[in-house]
């Protein structure tokens, strides 16, 4: 799941970014960068720093959303939120986590499709450039 940089440090990959964003989307209590870093260490077994996390726009945005959700929830009258038992939580959390990860991956996939579409439209405007040549099989892909 992790990739090592040239200097031996572990790199935050797209897969880990997706898991962190999904983790933030299901966060429902007080949140700080330190709490997030600790939870990433425990749940994902990945050590990361606040500056590294803040480099990722999606993570920073979801952190703000989680903080807003918590601030909004603390202003609700007592008894508004339904109490659920620990036995109910395990399966529900796994299900919700997988839905959130799927949603994050779909967003990233949509962004990639939009970029590819833009590249093809730009390539069509280049004279003497064949789109078929751009998408032909490469020798290294045939092996």
C-alpha atoms as a PDB file:
ATOM      1  CA  UNK A   1       0.000   0.000   0.000  1.00  0.00           C
ATOM      2  CA  UNK A   2       2.937   2.333   0.560  1.00  0.00           C
ATOM      3  CA  UNK A   3       5.708   3.441  -1.737  1.00  0.00           C
ATOM      4  CA  UNK A   4       9.177   4.452  -0.575  1.00  0.00           C
ATOM      5  CA  UNK A   5      10.753   7.668  -1.823  1.00  0.00           C
ATOM      6  CA  UNK A   6      14.373   7.708  -2.983  1.00  0.00           C
ATOM      7  CA  UNK A   7      15.489   8.857   0.476  1.00  0.00           C
ATOM      8  CA  UNK A   8      13.659   5.938   2.151  1.00  0.00           C
ATOM      9  CA  UNK A   9      10.675   7.871   3.512  1.00  0.00           C
ATOM     10  CA  UNK A  10       7.220   6.431   2.897  1.00  0.00           C
ATOM     11  CA  UNK A  11       5.125   8.299   0.324  1.00  0.00           C
ATOM     12  CA  UNK A  12       1.422   9.038   0.776  1.00  0.00           C
ATOM     13  CA  UNK A  13      -0.155   7.246  -2.203  1.00  0.00           C
ATOM     14  CA  UNK A  14      -3.496   7.837  -3.924  1.00  0.00           C
ATOM     15  CA  UNK A  15      -4.875   4.727  -2.179  1.00  0.00           C
ATOM     16  CA  UNK A  16      -3.997   6.123   1.252  1.00  0.00           C
ATOM     17  CA  UNK A  17      -5.375   9.549   0.293  1.00  0.00           C
ATOM     18  CA  UNK A  18      -8.707   7.912  -0.584  1.00  0.00           C
ATOM     19  CA  UNK A  19      -8.790   6.110   2.761  1.00  0.00           C
ATOM     20  CA  UNK A  20      -7.988   9.326   4.660  1.00  0.00           C
ATOM     21  CA  UNK A  21     -10.717  11.288   2.851  1.00  0.00           C
ATOM     22  CA  UNK A  22     -13.195   8.475   3.559  1.00  0.00           C
ATOM     23  CA  UNK A  23     -12.092   8.468   7.198  1.00  0.00           C
ATOM     24  CA  UNK A  24     -12.741  12.213   7.391  1.00  0.00           C
ATOM     25  CA  UNK A  25     -16.160  11.877   5.779  1.00  0.00           C
ATOM     26  CA  UNK A  26     -17.286   9.494   8.507  1.00  0.00           C
ATOM     27  CA  UNK A  27     -15.710  11.490  11.356  1.00  0.00           C
ATOM     28  CA  UNK A  28     -18.420  12.478  13.850  1.00  0.00           C
ATOM     29  CA  UNK A  29     -16.624  13.823  16.912  1.00  0.00           C
ATOM     30  CA  UNK A  30     -14.193  16.570  17.846  1.00  0.00           C
ATOM     31  CA  UNK A  31     -11.446  16.804  15.251  1.00  0.00           C
ATOM     32  CA  UNK A  32      -7.956  18.274  15.257  1.00  0.00           C
ATOM     33  CA  UNK A  33      -4.976  17.606  13.050  1.00  0.00           C
ATOM     34  CA  UNK A  34      -3.306  15.750  15.924  1.00  0.00           C
ATOM     35  CA  UNK A  35      -6.362  13.514  16.417  1.00  0.00           C
ATOM     36  CA  UNK A  36      -6.484  12.815  12.689  1.00  0.00           C
ATOM     37  CA  UNK A  37      -2.779  11.932  12.584  1.00  0.00           C
ATOM     38  CA  UNK A  38      -3.208   9.560  15.540  1.00  0.00           C
ATOM     39  CA  UNK A  39      -6.212   7.884  13.923  1.00  0.00           C
ATOM     40  CA  UNK A  40      -4.352   7.471  10.625  1.00  0.00           C
ATOM     41  CA  UNK A  41      -1.509   5.823  12.558  1.00  0.00           C
ATOM     42  CA  UNK A  42      -3.898   3.441  14.336  1.00  0.00           C
ATOM     43  CA  UNK A  43      -6.307   2.603  11.500  1.00  0.00           C
ATOM     44  CA  UNK A  44      -4.038   2.809   8.450  1.00  0.00           C
ATOM     45  CA  UNK A  45      -0.684   2.068  10.130  1.00  0.00           C
ATOM     46  CA  UNK A  46       0.804   5.071   8.354  1.00  0.00           C
ATOM     47  CA  UNK A  47       2.793   7.874   9.969  1.00  0.00           C
ATOM     48  CA  UNK A  48       2.211  11.300   8.478  1.00  0.00           C
ATOM     49  CA  UNK A  49       2.636  14.938   9.487  1.00  0.00           C
ATOM     50  CA  UNK A  50       0.229  17.864   9.384  1.00  0.00           C
ATOM     51  CA  UNK A  51       2.206  19.706   6.648  1.00  0.00           C
ATOM     52  CA  UNK A  52       2.094  16.594   4.468  1.00  0.00           C
ATOM     53  CA  UNK A  53      -1.665  16.213   4.944  1.00  0.00           C
ATOM     54  CA  UNK A  54      -2.275  19.893   4.225  1.00  0.00           C
ATOM     55  CA  UNK A  55      -0.572  19.526   0.816  1.00  0.00           C
ATOM     56  CA  UNK A  56      -3.546  17.448  -0.340  1.00  0.00           C
ATOM     57  CA  UNK A  57      -6.496  19.656  -1.281  1.00  0.00           C
ATOM     58  CA  UNK A  58      -9.110  16.911  -0.837  1.00  0.00           C
ATOM     59  CA  UNK A  59      -7.829  16.041   2.640  1.00  0.00           C
ATOM     60  CA  UNK A  60      -7.746  19.690   3.748  1.00  0.00           C
ATOM     61  CA  UNK A  61     -11.258  20.280   2.366  1.00  0.00           C
ATOM     62  CA  UNK A  62     -12.691  17.176   4.067  1.00  0.00           C
ATOM     63  CA  UNK A  63     -10.969  18.139   7.327  1.00  0.00           C
ATOM     64  CA  UNK A  64     -12.808  21.474   7.190  1.00  0.00           C
ATOM     65  CA  UNK A  65     -16.088  19.691   6.431  1.00  0.00           C
ATOM     66  CA  UNK A  66     -15.599  17.311   9.376  1.00  0.00           C
ATOM     67  CA  UNK A  67     -14.840  20.230  11.673  1.00  0.00           C
ATOM     68  CA  UNK A  68     -17.985  22.044  10.453  1.00  0.00           C
ATOM     69  CA  UNK A  69     -20.113  18.930  10.974  1.00  0.00           C
ATOM     70  CA  UNK A  70     -18.852  18.593  14.537  1.00  0.00           C
ATOM     71  CA  UNK A  71     -19.434  22.263  15.313  1.00  0.00           C
ATOM     72  CA  UNK A  72     -22.960  21.974  13.915  1.00  0.00           C
ATOM     73  CA  UNK A  73     -23.687  18.750  15.827  1.00  0.00           C
ATOM     74  CA  UNK A  74     -22.561  20.193  19.152  1.00  0.00           C
ATOM     75  CA  UNK A  75     -25.196  22.909  18.781  1.00  0.00           C
ATOM     76  CA  UNK A  76     -28.057  20.374  18.507  1.00  0.00           C
ATOM     77  CA  UNK A  77     -30.392  19.920  21.468  1.00  0.00           C
ATOM     78  CA  UNK A  78     -29.621  16.858  23.672  1.00  0.00           C
ATOM     79  CA  UNK A  79     -31.338  13.638  22.612  1.00  0.00           C
ATOM     80  CA  UNK A  80     -31.576  14.662  18.946  1.00  0.00           C
ATOM     81  CA  UNK A  81     -29.037  12.083  17.818  1.00  0.00           C
ATOM     82  CA  UNK A  82     -30.199   8.460  18.038  1.00  0.00           C
ATOM     83  CA  UNK A  83     -28.193   6.158  20.280  1.00  0.00           C
ATOM     84  CA  UNK A  84     -26.952   2.939  18.679  1.00  0.00           C
ATOM     85  CA  UNK A  85     -25.222   0.030  20.365  1.00  0.00           C
ATOM     86  CA  UNK A  86     -21.665  -1.145  19.807  1.00  0.00           C
ATOM     87  CA  UNK A  87     -22.891  -4.290  18.024  1.00  0.00           C
ATOM     88  CA  UNK A  88     -24.730  -2.178  15.439  1.00  0.00           C
ATOM     89  CA  UNK A  89     -21.750   0.032  14.811  1.00  0.00           C
ATOM     90  CA  UNK A  90     -19.217  -2.487  13.463  1.00  0.00           C
ATOM     91  CA  UNK A  91     -21.089  -3.575  10.349  1.00  0.00           C
ATOM     92  CA  UNK A  92     -22.556  -0.175   9.755  1.00  0.00           C
ATOM     93  CA  UNK A  93     -19.129   1.500  10.015  1.00  0.00           C
ATOM     94  CA  UNK A  94     -17.575  -0.960   7.570  1.00  0.00           C
ATOM     95  CA  UNK A  95     -20.432  -0.412   5.135  1.00  0.00           C
ATOM     96  CA  UNK A  96     -20.296   3.379   5.432  1.00  0.00           C
ATOM     97  CA  UNK A  97     -16.511   3.375   5.117  1.00  0.00           C
ATOM     98  CA  UNK A  98     -16.671   1.372   1.894  1.00  0.00           C
ATOM     99  CA  UNK A  99     -19.365   3.682   0.484  1.00  0.00           C
ATOM    100  CA  UNK A 100     -17.259   6.737   1.277  1.00  0.00           C
ATOM    101  CA  UNK A 101     -14.142   5.214  -0.262  1.00  0.00           C
ATOM    102  CA  UNK A 102     -16.142   4.371  -3.373  1.00  0.00           C
ATOM    103  CA  UNK A 103     -17.451   7.939  -3.559  1.00  0.00           C
ATOM    104  CA  UNK A 104     -13.937   9.407  -3.260  1.00  0.00           C
ATOM    105  CA  UNK A 105     -12.574   7.037  -5.914  1.00  0.00           C
ATOM    106  CA  UNK A 106     -15.455   7.943  -8.253  1.00  0.00           C
ATOM    107  CA  UNK A 107     -14.739  11.668  -7.816  1.00  0.00           C
ATOM    108  CA  UNK A 108     -11.072  11.107  -8.661  1.00  0.00           C
ATOM    109  CA  UNK A 109     -11.997   8.922 -11.622  1.00  0.00           C
ATOM    110  CA  UNK A 110     -14.366  11.602 -12.946  1.00  0.00           C
ATOM    111  CA  UNK A 111     -11.587  14.184 -12.673  1.00  0.00           C
ATOM    112  CA  UNK A 112      -9.231  11.888 -14.604  1.00  0.00           C
ATOM    113  CA  UNK A 113     -11.831  11.278 -17.337  1.00  0.00           C
ATOM    114  CA  UNK A 114     -12.372  15.036 -17.684  1.00  0.00           C
ATOM    115  CA  UNK A 115      -8.612  15.556 -18.036  1.00  0.00           C
ATOM    116  CA  UNK A 116      -8.316  12.818 -20.666  1.00  0.00           C
ATOM    117  CA  UNK A 117     -11.261  14.259 -22.599  1.00  0.00           C
ATOM    118  CA  UNK A 118      -9.641  17.706 -22.523  1.00  0.00           C
ATOM    119  CA  UNK A 119      -6.343  16.246 -23.787  1.00  0.00           C
ATOM    120  CA  UNK A 120      -8.093  14.499 -26.696  1.00  0.00           C
ATOM    121  CA  UNK A 121      -9.975  17.675 -27.656  1.00  0.00           C
ATOM    122  CA  UNK A 122      -6.709  19.627 -27.595  1.00  0.00           C
ATOM    123  CA  UNK A 123      -4.974  16.897 -29.621  1.00  0.00           C
ATOM    124  CA  UNK A 124      -7.693  17.081 -32.306  1.00  0.00           C
ATOM    125  CA  UNK A 125      -6.724  20.703 -32.922  1.00  0.00           C
ATOM    126  CA  UNK A 126      -3.086  19.841 -33.643  1.00  0.00           C
ATOM    127  CA  UNK A 127      -2.567  19.513 -37.426  1.00  0.00           C
ATOM    128  CA  UNK A 128      -1.200  16.205 -38.763  1.00  0.00           C
ATOM    129  CA  UNK A 129      -1.742  14.443 -35.439  1.00  0.00           C
ATOM    130  CA  UNK A 130      -3.691  11.227 -35.580  1.00  0.00           C
ATOM    131  CA  UNK A 131      -5.747  10.305 -32.506  1.00  0.00           C
ATOM    132  CA  UNK A 132      -5.325   6.637 -33.469  1.00  0.00           C
ATOM    133  CA  UNK A 133      -1.553   7.035 -33.048  1.00  0.00           C
ATOM    134  CA  UNK A 134      -2.101   8.409 -29.542  1.00  0.00           C
ATOM    135  CA  UNK A 135      -4.114   5.387 -28.394  1.00  0.00           C
ATOM    136  CA  UNK A 136      -2.295   2.605 -30.272  1.00  0.00           C
ATOM    137  CA  UNK A 137      -0.858  -0.370 -28.388  1.00  0.00           C
ATOM    138  CA  UNK A 138       2.688   0.044 -27.115  1.00  0.00           C
ATOM    139  CA  UNK A 139       5.218  -2.805 -27.321  1.00  0.00           C
ATOM    140  CA  UNK A 140       5.682  -2.819 -23.548  1.00  0.00           C
ATOM    141  CA  UNK A 141       1.896  -3.199 -23.076  1.00  0.00           C
ATOM    142  CA  UNK A 142       1.707  -6.278 -25.302  1.00  0.00           C
ATOM    143  CA  UNK A 143       3.893  -8.446 -23.099  1.00  0.00           C
END
